[in-house]
Amino acid sequence: MKDNTDVPALMDFQRAIAPIAPDTFFAEYFEKTHLVIRRDDPDYYTRVLSLADIDQVLTQMQIPGDELNLVQKDRTITKDDYVNAAGFADPVRMVKTFAEGATIVMPGLQKRLPKLAAYCRSLETVFSCDLQTNIYFTPPDAQGFKTHYDSHDVIVLQIAGSKTWNIYESDLQLPLRSQAFSPEGFEPGKLIDTFTLQAGDMCYVPRGVVHDARATEELSLHITTGLLSQRWIELVVDAVSRLALSDLDFRRAVPPGFANGDFDRTDAGETLADLLRRAADRIDADATLAAAAEDYRGRRLPVVPGQLFQQFSAEAIAPGTRMRRRPDLIHAIVETEDEVALSVYGTEVAFPLHVAETLRAALQSDGFVVGELPGDLDEAGQAVLARRLVGEGVLFIG
């Protein structure tokens, strides 16, 4: 009873940016400049999403109106234009509005389509960050958004049709979340690149890079995944905030009247400088990074296809059973004097300390045979460990 077990993502980050290697991407493009990859393979990304998938979602699933948006560059479209009285998207009205030039934006579609979810999980594993994945379905010769920049990096996969992109000179590099784009008074800089993404092509656009995109004479379907990466300034602020929990001086009030024009800031400035020096001396950088990693793992919900069947099959695990690790697992193993703990899916699973070597071996390998792992556990003990890890959604039989 082990049907519907997990399989590796049909499309992961390495495949998505091929033939560029991940090391090359991070060294030459990430947070530096945009990247365009063209390939003569229009079906390359259909293993993630297809027009048939979109037709099924829009016309056969009851989608709540707040789970999609319709936008058009020079037209205001409201929910009343495509949402019925029950609060669901009306497929007939929605498709009519699409035919009139509106782009359909579907955020969070990975919650409904497993193969898109698998792709997103693979990106989470590489980037260690939350994602904002939107699907854009644009009719021929239409533009959904005006020229703008994003406050997060984006990876774009062109699924069907084509779209022409313009890249402009940008004054603001790597904006913070608080520096989100505002259209008021905005004028784009000099046009520096124009390219057309055909089906099977992709591009990467760092945050802050000004751009726009317009469908060609054919409709366009693409995936835009925003990388909500944690910035150094956020870790610094968090580290100082944690320090303030144990240091009273950080919690004291700024001197009353400091905003007055005649206020003498000499003493206050010395206090602030002293606090900054104290923070630099006392903050544990490794502990700060570990806390951020633990926080991210804690937000990551399990996506465990076949877990129902796996749970009921686990009792049959014995020496000789072949096991596999769930793909795109993000975890950490922490040893103390008394035990070893597996941090995964927002929880900690504790084991006796003598299990540590075998546990590490089980999770460092994509697959193994029960009874053949190194460490102090005998064959029967390895079977018990494997059953436990199946129950936690970490391993599966196969």
Protein backbone atom coordinates (compact mmCIF):
# COMPACT_ATOMS: atom_id res chain seq x y z
CA MET A 1 0.00 0.00 0.00
CA LYS A 2 2.53 2.57 -1.15
CA ASP A 3 0.83 4.21 -4.13
CA ASN A 4 1.30 7.89 -5.03
CA THR A 5 4.78 8.11 -3.56
CA ASP A 6 6.93 11.15 -4.12
CA VAL A 7 8.95 11.69 -7.27
CA PRO A 8 11.62 14.31 -8.00
CA ALA A 9 10.40 17.54 -9.59
CA LEU A 10 9.84 17.27 -13.33
CA MET A 11 11.44 20.71 -13.52
CA ASP A 12 13.90 22.03 -10.97
CA PHE A 13 16.14 25.09 -10.83
CA GLN A 14 19.08 23.40 -12.55
CA ARG A 15 16.91 22.27 -15.47
CA ALA A 16 15.11 25.62 -15.61
CA ILE A 17 18.32 27.59 -16.23
CA ALA A 18 20.15 24.99 -18.35
CA PRO A 19 22.59 25.20 -20.06
CA ILE A 20 23.76 27.81 -17.51
CA ALA A 21 25.11 26.05 -14.42
CA PRO A 22 23.86 27.18 -10.99
CA ASP A 23 27.39 28.20 -9.94
CA THR A 24 27.65 30.44 -13.00
CA PHE A 25 24.22 31.92 -12.30
CA PHE A 26 25.10 32.90 -8.75
CA ALA A 27 28.57 34.20 -9.66
CA GLU A 28 27.63 36.25 -12.73
CA TYR A 29 23.91 37.07 -12.67
CA PHE A 30 22.26 36.81 -9.24
CA GLU A 31 21.56 40.35 -7.94
CA LYS A 32 23.78 41.72 -10.73
CA THR A 33 22.14 41.70 -14.16
CA HIS A 34 19.30 40.16 -16.11
CA LEU A 35 19.72 36.82 -17.85
CA VAL A 36 17.95 35.52 -20.96
CA ILE A 37 18.12 31.88 -22.04
CA ARG A 38 16.71 30.94 -25.43
CA ARG A 39 16.16 27.38 -26.52
CA ASP A 40 14.47 25.95 -29.57
CA ASP A 41 12.13 23.73 -27.55
CA PRO A 42 8.60 25.16 -27.14
CA ASP A 43 7.50 22.23 -24.95
CA TYR A 44 10.44 22.53 -22.53
CA TYR A 45 8.42 24.00 -19.64
CA THR A 46 5.12 22.23 -20.28
CA ARG A 47 6.23 19.66 -17.69
CA VAL A 48 5.55 22.50 -15.19
CA LEU A 49 2.44 24.07 -16.71
CA SER A 50 0.47 23.95 -19.95
CA LEU A 51 -2.39 25.73 -21.69
CA ALA A 52 -4.53 22.68 -20.98
CA ASP A 53 -3.83 23.11 -17.27
CA ILE A 54 -4.93 26.74 -17.43
CA ASP A 55 -8.10 25.86 -19.33
CA GLN A 56 -8.93 23.27 -16.69
CA VAL A 57 -8.30 25.69 -13.83
CA LEU A 58 -10.28 28.56 -15.34
CA THR A 59 -13.22 26.65 -16.75
CA GLN A 60 -13.67 23.58 -14.53
CA MET A 61 -12.50 24.51 -11.04
CA GLN A 62 -14.50 26.79 -8.79
CA ILE A 63 -11.89 29.48 -8.12
CA PRO A 64 -12.64 32.04 -5.39
CA GLY A 65 -12.57 35.54 -6.80
CA ASP A 66 -9.77 36.62 -4.49
CA GLU A 67 -7.46 33.93 -5.92
CA LEU A 68 -7.03 35.68 -9.28
CA ASN A 69 -7.00 39.14 -10.81
CA LEU A 70 -7.67 40.60 -14.23
CA VAL A 71 -5.56 43.62 -15.20
CA GLN A 72 -5.13 45.75 -18.29
CA LYS A 73 -2.67 48.59 -18.83
CA ASP A 74 -5.16 51.37 -19.70
CA ARG A 75 -8.36 49.97 -18.19
CA THR A 76 -9.70 49.58 -14.68
CA ILE A 77 -11.17 46.13 -14.10
CA THR A 78 -13.03 45.38 -10.87
CA LYS A 79 -14.05 42.09 -9.29
CA ASP A 80 -17.65 42.81 -10.34
CA ASP A 81 -16.55 42.32 -13.95
CA TYR A 82 -15.76 38.62 -13.46
CA VAL A 83 -16.85 37.42 -9.99
CA ASN A 84 -20.37 36.13 -9.37
CA ALA A 85 -22.63 36.77 -6.39
CA ALA A 86 -21.31 33.69 -4.61
CA GLY A 87 -17.75 35.08 -4.70
CA PHE A 88 -16.38 32.71 -7.36
CA ALA A 89 -14.77 33.62 -10.68
CA ASP A 90 -17.33 33.31 -13.49
CA PRO A 91 -15.48 31.44 -16.28
CA VAL A 92 -17.68 32.84 -19.07
CA ARG A 93 -17.35 36.49 -18.02
CA MET A 94 -13.68 36.00 -17.22
CA VAL A 95 -12.86 34.58 -20.66
CA LYS A 96 -14.83 37.38 -22.33
CA THR A 97 -12.81 39.97 -20.42
CA PHE A 98 -9.63 38.13 -21.39
CA ALA A 99 -10.69 38.27 -25.05
CA GLU A 100 -11.11 42.04 -24.68
CA GLY A 101 -7.44 42.42 -23.76
CA ALA A 102 -7.19 41.70 -20.04
CA THR A 103 -4.36 39.66 -18.52
CA ILE A 104 -5.44 36.95 -16.08
CA VAL A 105 -3.12 36.81 -13.07
CA MET A 106 -3.28 33.66 -10.96
CA PRO A 107 -1.23 33.81 -7.74
CA GLY A 108 -0.64 30.69 -5.69
CA LEU A 109 -1.66 28.25 -8.40
CA GLN A 110 0.98 25.84 -7.09
CA LYS A 111 -1.49 25.05 -4.30
CA ARG A 112 -3.73 23.44 -6.93
CA LEU A 113 -1.28 21.93 -9.43
CA PRO A 114 1.19 19.36 -8.01
CA LYS A 115 3.77 19.64 -10.81
CA LEU A 116 3.93 23.42 -10.35
CA ALA A 117 4.21 22.86 -6.59
CA ALA A 118 7.17 20.52 -7.15
CA TYR A 119 8.95 23.18 -9.21
CA CYS A 120 8.40 25.80 -6.52
CA ARG A 121 9.64 23.43 -3.81
CA SER A 122 12.84 22.89 -5.77
CA LEU A 123 13.44 26.65 -5.90
CA GLU A 124 12.84 26.93 -2.15
CA THR A 125 15.54 24.34 -1.58
CA VAL A 126 18.06 26.29 -3.69
CA PHE A 127 17.29 29.81 -2.47
CA SER A 128 16.13 29.18 1.13
CA CYS A 129 13.42 31.79 0.78
CA ASP A 130 9.68 32.18 0.45
CA LEU A 131 8.30 32.46 -3.07
CA GLN A 132 5.61 34.52 -4.74
CA THR A 133 4.54 32.60 -7.82
CA ASN A 134 2.13 34.21 -10.29
CA ILE A 135 0.80 32.85 -13.56
CA TYR A 136 0.20 35.46 -16.28
CA PHE A 137 -2.13 34.63 -19.16
CA THR A 138 -2.18 37.47 -21.69
CA PRO A 139 -4.17 37.76 -24.95
CA PRO A 140 -2.45 38.72 -28.20
CA ASP A 141 -0.89 42.19 -28.43
CA ALA A 142 -1.84 43.11 -24.84
CA GLN A 143 0.03 44.49 -21.85
CA GLY A 144 -1.04 43.89 -18.27
CA PHE A 145 1.27 46.25 -16.35
CA LYS A 146 2.97 49.53 -17.08
CA THR A 147 6.75 49.97 -16.90
CA HIS A 148 7.92 49.26 -13.34
CA TYR A 149 10.44 47.49 -11.14
CA ASP A 150 9.90 44.80 -8.53
CA SER A 151 11.25 44.75 -4.99
CA HIS A 152 12.10 41.06 -5.38
CA ASP A 153 14.06 39.11 -8.00
CA VAL A 154 11.97 37.18 -10.54
CA ILE A 155 12.48 34.04 -12.59
CA VAL A 156 10.25 33.89 -15.66
CA LEU A 157 9.44 30.71 -17.59
CA GLN A 158 7.66 31.24 -20.91
CA ILE A 159 5.17 28.38 -21.22
CA ALA A 160 3.28 29.20 -24.41
CA GLY A 161 3.16 31.95 -26.98
CA SER A 162 5.63 34.81 -26.75
CA LYS A 163 6.20 38.10 -24.97
CA THR A 164 8.51 41.01 -25.72
CA TRP A 165 10.41 42.47 -22.79
CA ASN A 166 12.09 45.86 -22.46
CA ILE A 167 14.83 46.51 -19.90
CA TYR A 168 15.65 50.09 -18.88
CA GLU A 169 18.43 51.79 -16.96
CA SER A 170 17.64 51.77 -13.24
CA ASP A 171 18.68 54.29 -10.61
CA LEU A 172 17.78 52.08 -7.65
CA GLN A 173 19.74 48.87 -7.13
CA LEU A 174 18.43 46.02 -4.97
CA PRO A 175 15.54 47.90 -3.33
CA LEU A 176 14.30 46.94 0.11
CA ARG A 177 10.72 45.75 0.57
CA SER A 178 9.95 49.22 1.91
CA GLN A 179 11.12 50.68 -1.40
CA ALA A 180 8.32 49.15 -3.45
CA PHE A 181 7.60 50.69 -6.84
CA SER A 182 5.39 53.78 -6.94
CA PRO A 183 4.07 54.94 -10.33
CA GLU A 184 3.60 58.55 -9.22
CA GLY A 185 6.00 60.74 -11.19
CA PHE A 186 7.98 57.74 -12.42
CA GLU A 187 9.92 58.02 -15.68
CA PRO A 188 11.90 55.02 -16.93
CA GLY A 189 15.56 55.44 -17.82
CA LYS A 190 17.20 54.68 -21.16
CA LEU A 191 16.12 51.49 -22.93
CA ILE A 192 19.11 49.13 -22.74
CA ASP A 193 17.76 45.77 -23.93
CA THR A 194 14.78 44.30 -25.79
CA PHE A 195 14.16 40.59 -26.20
CA THR A 196 11.28 38.29 -27.02
CA LEU A 197 10.72 35.18 -24.96
CA GLN A 198 9.36 32.30 -27.01
CA ALA A 199 7.80 29.19 -25.50
CA GLY A 200 10.60 27.28 -23.77
CA ASP A 201 12.71 30.39 -23.04
CA MET A 202 13.35 31.95 -19.64
CA CYS A 203 14.70 35.11 -18.08
CA TYR A 204 15.89 36.28 -14.69
CA VAL A 205 15.38 39.92 -13.63
CA PRO A 206 16.98 41.21 -10.42
CA ARG A 207 14.94 43.40 -8.10
CA GLY A 208 15.13 47.07 -8.98
CA VAL A 209 15.62 46.49 -12.72
CA VAL A 210 13.01 48.54 -14.57
CA HIS A 211 11.11 46.56 -17.18
CA ASP A 212 7.85 46.01 -19.01
CA ALA A 213 6.48 43.17 -21.13
CA ARG A 214 3.90 42.91 -23.87
CA ALA A 215 2.42 39.92 -25.66
CA THR A 216 3.13 39.65 -29.37
CA GLU A 217 0.54 38.80 -32.01
CA GLU A 218 -0.07 35.51 -30.17
CA LEU A 219 -1.33 34.89 -26.66
CA SER A 220 1.22 34.44 -23.89
CA LEU A 221 1.37 32.18 -20.84
CA HIS A 222 4.26 32.51 -18.42
CA ILE A 223 5.22 31.78 -14.82
CA THR A 224 6.82 34.52 -12.77
CA THR A 225 8.35 33.38 -9.50
CA GLY A 226 9.38 36.11 -7.10
CA LEU A 227 12.27 35.29 -4.77
CA LEU A 228 11.44 36.84 -1.39
CA SER A 229 15.03 36.56 -0.22
CA GLN A 230 16.02 37.60 3.27
CA ARG A 231 18.34 40.62 3.23
CA TRP A 232 21.33 41.22 5.49
CA ILE A 233 19.68 44.30 6.97
CA GLU A 234 16.80 42.13 8.15
CA LEU A 235 19.17 39.80 9.98
CA VAL A 236 20.97 42.76 11.53
CA VAL A 237 17.71 44.27 12.79
CA ASP A 238 16.58 40.91 14.11
CA ALA A 239 19.91 40.32 15.87
CA VAL A 240 19.78 43.72 17.59
CA SER A 241 16.18 43.11 18.60
CA ARG A 242 17.17 39.79 20.16
CA LEU A 243 20.01 41.50 22.02
CA ALA A 244 17.57 44.06 23.42
CA LEU A 245 15.70 41.25 25.16
CA SER A 246 18.67 40.75 27.47
CA ASP A 247 20.24 44.24 27.55
CA LEU A 248 18.24 46.92 29.35
CA ASP A 249 20.09 49.84 27.74
CA PHE A 250 18.70 48.98 24.29
CA ARG A 251 15.19 49.19 25.73
CA ARG A 252 15.56 52.65 27.25
CA ALA A 253 13.79 55.64 25.69
CA VAL A 254 15.55 58.10 23.41
CA PRO A 255 15.97 61.35 25.44
CA PRO A 256 12.76 63.40 25.62
CA GLY A 257 12.84 66.45 23.39
CA PHE A 258 15.40 65.04 20.93
CA ALA A 259 13.30 66.26 18.00
CA ASN A 260 13.48 69.90 19.04
CA GLY A 261 15.79 72.08 16.97
CA ASP A 262 17.76 73.34 19.97
CA PHE A 263 18.36 69.85 21.44
CA ASP A 264 22.04 69.10 22.12
CA ARG A 265 22.63 65.66 20.54
CA THR A 266 26.17 65.20 21.88
CA ASP A 267 25.35 62.85 24.76
CA ALA A 268 22.61 61.06 22.82
CA GLY A 269 24.98 60.50 19.91
CA GLU A 270 27.60 58.99 22.21
CA THR A 271 24.97 56.68 23.70
CA LEU A 272 23.87 55.52 20.27
CA ALA A 273 27.45 54.96 19.15
CA ASP A 274 28.12 52.94 22.32
CA LEU A 275 25.03 50.78 21.69
CA LEU A 276 26.13 50.11 18.11
CA ARG A 277 29.61 49.08 19.28
CA ARG A 278 28.09 46.89 21.97
CA ALA A 279 25.84 45.23 19.39
CA ALA A 280 28.80 44.52 17.11
CA ASP A 281 30.74 42.98 20.00
CA ARG A 282 27.96 40.91 21.52
CA ILE A 283 25.89 39.63 18.60
CA ASP A 284 26.62 36.00 17.78
CA ALA A 285 26.67 35.93 13.96
CA ASP A 286 26.42 32.16 13.71
CA ALA A 287 23.51 32.03 16.15
CA THR A 288 21.74 34.76 14.18
CA LEU A 289 22.09 32.81 10.93
CA ALA A 290 20.99 29.60 12.68
CA ALA A 291 17.88 31.33 14.04
CA ALA A 292 16.99 32.65 10.57
CA ALA A 293 17.42 29.16 9.10
CA GLU A 294 15.27 27.62 11.82
CA ASP A 295 12.60 30.26 11.26
CA TYR A 296 12.51 29.47 7.54
CA ARG A 297 12.30 25.72 8.13
CA GLY A 298 9.49 26.39 10.58
CA ARG A 299 7.41 28.18 7.93
CA ARG A 300 7.78 25.40 5.36
CA LEU A 301 4.73 23.17 5.32
CA PRO A 302 5.07 19.49 4.38
CA VAL A 303 4.17 18.58 0.80
CA VAL A 304 4.15 14.79 1.02
CA PRO A 305 2.27 13.02 -1.80
CA GLY A 306 1.24 9.49 -0.84
CA GLN A 307 1.77 10.00 2.90
CA LEU A 308 -1.52 8.26 3.72
CA PHE A 309 -0.39 5.11 1.89
CA GLN A 310 3.13 5.38 3.28
CA GLN A 311 1.90 5.55 6.86
CA PHE A 312 -0.06 2.34 6.52
CA SER A 313 2.81 0.60 4.73
CA ALA A 314 5.48 1.59 7.25
CA GLU A 315 4.95 -1.43 9.54
CA ALA A 316 6.19 -3.68 6.74
CA ILE A 317 9.60 -1.97 6.65
CA ALA A 318 12.31 -4.53 7.43
CA PRO A 319 15.98 -5.16 6.64
CA GLY A 320 16.31 -5.15 2.85
CA THR A 321 13.54 -2.57 2.26
CA ARG A 322 14.62 0.15 -0.12
CA MET A 323 13.96 3.69 1.14
CA ARG A 324 14.12 7.12 -0.46
CA ARG A 325 14.37 10.61 0.95
CA ARG A 326 11.60 13.07 0.11
CA PRO A 327 12.87 15.36 -2.66
CA ASP A 328 13.66 19.00 -1.85
CA LEU A 329 13.75 18.31 1.87
CA ILE A 330 15.08 21.20 3.96
CA HIS A 331 16.29 20.00 7.34
CA ALA A 332 19.01 20.26 9.97
CA ILE A 333 20.44 17.72 12.41
CA VAL A 334 21.44 19.11 15.81
CA GLU A 335 23.36 17.11 18.40
CA THR A 336 23.42 17.86 22.14
CA GLU A 337 25.02 15.97 25.01
CA ASP A 338 21.90 13.85 25.46
CA GLU A 339 20.20 13.46 22.08
CA VAL A 340 20.18 14.17 18.38
CA ALA A 341 17.28 16.16 16.90
CA LEU A 342 16.02 16.41 13.34
CA SER A 343 14.63 19.88 12.60
CA VAL A 344 12.13 19.67 9.74
CA TYR A 345 8.67 21.00 8.81
CA GLY A 346 8.62 23.33 11.79
CA THR A 347 9.16 20.65 14.40
CA GLU A 348 12.02 18.81 16.07
CA VAL A 349 12.09 15.00 16.09
CA ALA A 350 14.32 13.72 18.90
CA PHE A 351 16.36 10.50 18.85
CA PRO A 352 18.89 8.90 21.22
CA LEU A 353 22.40 10.17 20.61
CA HIS A 354 23.68 6.83 19.30
CA VAL A 355 21.33 7.18 16.31
CA ALA A 356 23.21 10.26 14.99
CA GLU A 357 25.56 8.62 12.47
CA THR A 358 22.86 6.43 10.96
CA LEU A 359 20.39 9.33 10.81
CA ARG A 360 22.88 11.51 8.97
CA ALA A 361 23.66 8.76 6.49
CA ALA A 362 19.96 8.15 5.82
CA LEU A 363 19.36 11.82 4.99
CA GLN A 364 22.57 12.41 3.04
CA SER A 365 21.63 9.77 0.49
CA ASP A 366 18.82 9.96 -2.05
CA GLY A 367 18.16 6.28 -1.37
CA PHE A 368 19.40 3.39 0.74
CA VAL A 369 18.59 -0.16 1.82
CA VAL A 370 17.54 -0.74 5.43
CA GLY A 371 20.31 -2.62 7.21
CA GLU A 372 23.12 -1.23 5.04
CA LEU A 373 23.58 2.17 6.70
CA PRO A 374 26.69 2.90 8.80
CA GLY A 375 26.54 3.62 12.50
CA ASP A 376 25.67 1.91 15.77
CA LEU A 377 22.16 0.75 14.81
CA ASP A 378 21.76 -2.89 13.87
CA GLU A 379 19.39 -4.02 11.12
CA ALA A 380 16.35 -4.07 13.38
CA GLY A 381 17.20 -0.63 14.73
CA GLN A 382 17.55 0.76 11.23
CA ALA A 383 14.09 -0.57 10.39
CA VAL A 384 12.64 1.20 13.47
CA LEU A 385 14.39 4.43 12.42
CA ALA A 386 13.07 4.14 8.86
CA ARG A 387 9.51 3.62 10.10
CA ARG A 388 9.80 6.70 12.29
CA LEU A 389 11.10 8.83 9.44
CA VAL A 390 8.32 7.65 7.15
CA GLY A 391 5.81 8.67 9.80
CA GLU A 392 7.39 12.13 9.95
CA GLY A 393 7.10 12.55 6.17
CA VAL A 394 10.87 12.51 5.67
CA LEU A 395 11.38 9.16 3.91
CA PHE A 396 9.20 6.99 1.73
CA ILE A 397 9.30 3.40 0.59
CA GLY A 398 10.46 2.87 -2.96
